[in-house]
C-alpha atoms as a PDB file:
ATOM      1  CA  MET A   1     -11.078  -6.116  -2.579  1.00  0.00           C
ATOM      2  CA  ASN A   2      -8.582  -8.429  -4.183  1.00  0.00           C
ATOM      3  CA  LEU A   3      -6.313 -10.118  -1.658  1.00  0.00           C
ATOM      4  CA  ASN A   4      -3.080 -11.677  -2.812  1.00  0.00           C
ATOM      5  CA  LEU A   5      -3.060 -14.616  -0.419  1.00  0.00           C
ATOM      6  CA  PRO A   6      -2.111 -18.151  -1.432  1.00  0.00           C
ATOM      7  CA  ASP A   7      -4.447 -21.013  -0.564  1.00  0.00           C
ATOM      8  CA  LYS A   8      -3.277 -22.137   2.869  1.00  0.00           C
ATOM      9  CA  LEU A   9      -4.820 -23.401   6.077  1.00  0.00           C
ATOM     10  CA  TYR A  10      -3.255 -20.657   8.210  1.00  0.00           C
ATOM     11  CA  TYR A  11      -1.872 -17.183   7.558  1.00  0.00           C
ATOM     12  CA  SER A  12       0.479 -15.218   9.797  1.00  0.00           C
ATOM     13  CA  ILE A  13      -0.507 -11.769  10.973  1.00  0.00           C
ATOM     14  CA  GLY A  14       2.196 -10.283   8.746  1.00  0.00           C
ATOM     15  CA  GLU A  15       0.722 -11.934   5.658  1.00  0.00           C
ATOM     16  CA  VAL A  16      -2.753 -10.757   6.569  1.00  0.00           C
ATOM     17  CA  ALA A  17      -1.643  -7.200   7.297  1.00  0.00           C
ATOM     18  CA  LYS A  18       0.256  -7.038   4.004  1.00  0.00           C
ATOM     19  CA  ALA A  19      -2.731  -8.405   2.050  1.00  0.00           C
ATOM     20  CA  PHE A  20      -5.051  -5.779   3.533  1.00  0.00           C
ATOM     21  CA  ASP A  21      -2.352  -3.073   3.327  1.00  0.00           C
ATOM     22  CA  VAL A  22      -2.732  -2.157   7.003  1.00  0.00           C
ATOM     23  CA  ASN A  23      -0.514  -2.400  10.074  1.00  0.00           C
ATOM     24  CA  ALA A  24      -0.471  -5.604  12.095  1.00  0.00           C
ATOM     25  CA  SER A  25      -1.519  -3.540  15.111  1.00  0.00           C
ATOM     26  CA  LEU A  26      -4.820  -2.723  13.368  1.00  0.00           C
ATOM     27  CA  ILE A  27      -5.475  -6.430  12.818  1.00  0.00           C
ATOM     28  CA  ARG A  28      -4.764  -7.100  16.512  1.00  0.00           C
ATOM     29  CA  TYR A  29      -7.067  -4.213  17.479  1.00  0.00           C
ATOM     30  CA  TRP A  30      -9.896  -5.526  15.303  1.00  0.00           C
ATOM     31  CA  GLU A  31      -9.362  -8.928  16.902  1.00  0.00           C
ATOM     32  CA  GLN A  32     -10.122  -7.345  20.290  1.00  0.00           C
ATOM     33  CA  GLU A  33     -13.095  -5.362  18.993  1.00  0.00           C
ATOM     34  CA  PHE A  34     -14.833  -8.050  16.920  1.00  0.00           C
ATOM     35  CA  PRO A  35     -15.543 -11.436  18.491  1.00  0.00           C
ATOM     36  CA  ILE A  36     -15.935 -13.086  15.056  1.00  0.00           C
ATOM     37  CA  ILE A  37     -12.159 -12.892  14.550  1.00  0.00           C
ATOM     38  CA  ARG A  38     -10.593 -15.756  16.471  1.00  0.00           C
ATOM     39  CA  PRO A  39      -7.115 -16.597  15.188  1.00  0.00           C
ATOM     40  CA  LYS A  40      -5.344 -19.655  16.508  1.00  0.00           C
ATOM     41  CA  LYS A  41      -2.371 -18.918  18.748  1.00  0.00           C
ATOM     42  CA  ASN A  42       0.669 -21.077  19.342  1.00  0.00           C
ATOM     43  CA  LYS A  43       2.552 -21.323  22.642  1.00  0.00           C
ATOM     44  CA  LYS A  44       4.591 -18.228  21.783  1.00  0.00           C
ATOM     45  CA  GLY A  45       1.402 -16.256  21.151  1.00  0.00           C
ATOM     46  CA  ASN A  46       1.818 -15.957  17.374  1.00  0.00           C
ATOM     47  CA  ARG A  47      -1.510 -15.550  15.643  1.00  0.00           C
ATOM     48  CA  TYR A  48      -2.504 -17.778  12.739  1.00  0.00           C
ATOM     49  CA  PHE A  49      -5.597 -16.767  10.811  1.00  0.00           C
ATOM     50  CA  THR A  50      -7.854 -19.276   9.056  1.00  0.00           C
ATOM     51  CA  PRO A  51      -9.601 -18.589   5.737  1.00  0.00           C
ATOM     52  CA  GLU A  52     -12.780 -18.016   7.768  1.00  0.00           C
ATOM     53  CA  ASP A  53     -10.975 -15.301   9.753  1.00  0.00           C
ATOM     54  CA  ILE A  54      -9.828 -13.750   6.469  1.00  0.00           C
ATOM     55  CA  LYS A  55     -13.433 -13.695   5.227  1.00  0.00           C
ATOM     56  CA  ASN A  56     -14.525 -11.973   8.449  1.00  0.00           C
ATOM     57  CA  LEU A  57     -11.668  -9.482   8.226  1.00  0.00           C
ATOM     58  CA  LYS A  58     -12.731  -8.738   4.657  1.00  0.00           C
ATOM     59  CA  MET A  59     -16.228  -7.872   5.876  1.00  0.00           C
ATOM     60  CA  ILE A  60     -14.855  -5.655   8.630  1.00  0.00           C
ATOM     61  CA  TYR A  61     -12.433  -3.956   6.237  1.00  0.00           C
ATOM     62  CA  HIS A  62     -15.252  -3.322   3.761  1.00  0.00           C
ATOM     63  CA  LEU A  63     -17.504  -1.785   6.399  1.00  0.00           C
ATOM     64  CA  VAL A  64     -14.874   0.284   8.216  1.00  0.00           C
ATOM     65  CA  LYS A  65     -12.425   1.326   5.500  1.00  0.00           C
ATOM     66  CA  GLU A  66     -14.540   1.353   2.344  1.00  0.00           C
ATOM     67  CA  LYS A  67     -18.003   2.257   3.655  1.00  0.00           C
ATOM     68  CA  GLY A  68     -16.836   4.501   6.506  1.00  0.00           C
ATOM     69  CA  TYR A  69     -18.654   2.757   9.361  1.00  0.00           C
ATOM     70  CA  THR A  70     -17.547   3.323  12.926  1.00  0.00           C
ATOM     71  CA  LEU A  71     -16.425   0.235  14.821  1.00  0.00           C
ATOM     72  CA  ASP A  72     -19.693   0.195  16.752  1.00  0.00           C
ATOM     73  CA  GLY A  73     -21.667   0.598  13.533  1.00  0.00           C
ATOM     74  CA  ALA A  74     -19.714  -2.206  11.879  1.00  0.00           C
ATOM     75  CA  ARG A  75     -20.275  -4.462  14.872  1.00  0.00           C
ATOM     76  CA  VAL A  76     -24.027  -3.813  14.733  1.00  0.00           C
ATOM     77  CA  ALA A  77     -24.119  -4.311  10.959  1.00  0.00           C
ATOM     78  CA  LEU A  78     -22.318  -7.640  11.255  1.00  0.00           C
ATOM     79  CA  THR A  79     -24.783  -8.928  13.838  1.00  0.00           C
ATOM     80  CA  THR A  80     -27.972  -7.627  12.199  1.00  0.00           C
ATOM     81  CA  ASN A  81     -27.265  -7.899   8.456  1.00  0.00           C
ATOM     82  CA  SER A  82     -26.758 -11.470   7.293  1.00  0.00           C
ATOM     83  CA  LYS A  83     -26.247 -10.468   3.647  1.00  0.00           C
ATOM     84  CA  ILE A  84     -22.934  -8.628   4.118  1.00  0.00           C
ATOM     85  CA  SER A  85     -20.849 -11.650   3.140  1.00  0.00           C
ATOM     86  CA  GLU A  86     -22.956 -12.112  -0.007  1.00  0.00           C
ATOM     87  CA  THR A  87     -22.534  -8.450  -0.881  1.00  0.00           C
ATOM     88  CA  ILE A  88     -18.769  -8.623  -0.464  1.00  0.00           C
ATOM     89  CA  SER A  89     -18.474 -11.768  -2.564  1.00  0.00           C
ATOM     90  CA  MET A  90     -20.561 -10.094  -5.267  1.00  0.00           C
ATOM     91  CA  ILE A  91     -18.308  -7.030  -5.176  1.00  0.00           C
ATOM     92  CA  ASP A  92     -15.264  -9.310  -5.543  1.00  0.00           C
ATOM     93  CA  ARG A  93     -16.800 -11.061  -8.552  1.00  0.00           C
ATOM     94  CA  LEU A  94     -17.710  -7.753 -10.187  1.00  0.00           C
ATOM     95  CA  GLN A  95     -14.192  -6.414  -9.654  1.00  0.00           C
ATOM     96  CA  PHE A  96     -12.789  -9.566 -11.264  1.00  0.00           C
ATOM     97  CA  VAL A  97     -15.111  -9.181 -14.268  1.00  0.00           C
ATOM     98  CA  LYS A  98     -14.145  -5.512 -14.578  1.00  0.00           C
ATOM     99  CA  ALA A  99     -10.441  -6.393 -14.548  1.00  0.00           C
ATOM    100  CA  GLU A 100     -10.972  -9.044 -17.228  1.00  0.00           C
ATOM    101  CA  LEU A 101     -12.941  -6.628 -19.401  1.00  0.00           C
ATOM    102  CA  LEU A 102     -10.224  -3.998 -19.069  1.00  0.00           C
ATOM    103  CA  LYS A 103      -7.626  -6.572 -20.142  1.00  0.00           C
ATOM    104  CA  LEU A 104      -9.770  -7.469 -23.139  1.00  0.00           C
ATOM    105  CA  LYS A 105     -10.191  -3.798 -24.037  1.00  0.00           C
ATOM    106  CA  ASP A 106      -6.428  -3.229 -23.818  1.00  0.00           C
ATOM    107  CA  SER A 107      -5.710  -6.230 -26.025  1.00  0.00           C
ATOM    108  CA  LEU A 108      -8.210  -4.991 -28.612  1.00  0.00           C
ATOM    109  CA  VAL A 109      -6.653  -1.524 -28.611  1.00  0.00           C
ATOM    110  CA  GLU A 110      -3.192  -3.069 -29.135  1.00  0.00           C
ATOM    111  CA  LYS A 111      -4.448  -5.172 -32.051  1.00  0.00           C
ATOM    112  CA  THR A 112      -6.070  -2.228 -33.817  1.00  0.00           C
ATOM    113  CA  GLU A 113      -2.899  -0.144 -33.466  1.00  0.00           C
ATOM    114  CA  THR A 114      -0.724  -2.730 -35.221  1.00  0.00           C
END
């Protein structure tokens, strides 16, 4: 999963929801269901997510949306499987390599056509 988030200390819930292409209400719901998501809140109650929260949301998104886990199953997997974050980072790296190879292939096809 490639997130288009700039490097910042805190992200608003709108930025996070847009990056994951989900509704903000789903992010708030996951916050209630998973204790590993703990965004900072200001006096008005606005949520600000840290990069660590984003990493945790990525794991939850991978398990629930991509792998089809139930929320209970995802919660159990997060507590029992310590290699999930490594798996997700490996998937991200492989997707990046695939994108670079596709760019290279496209550039080679363009060069042979001219």
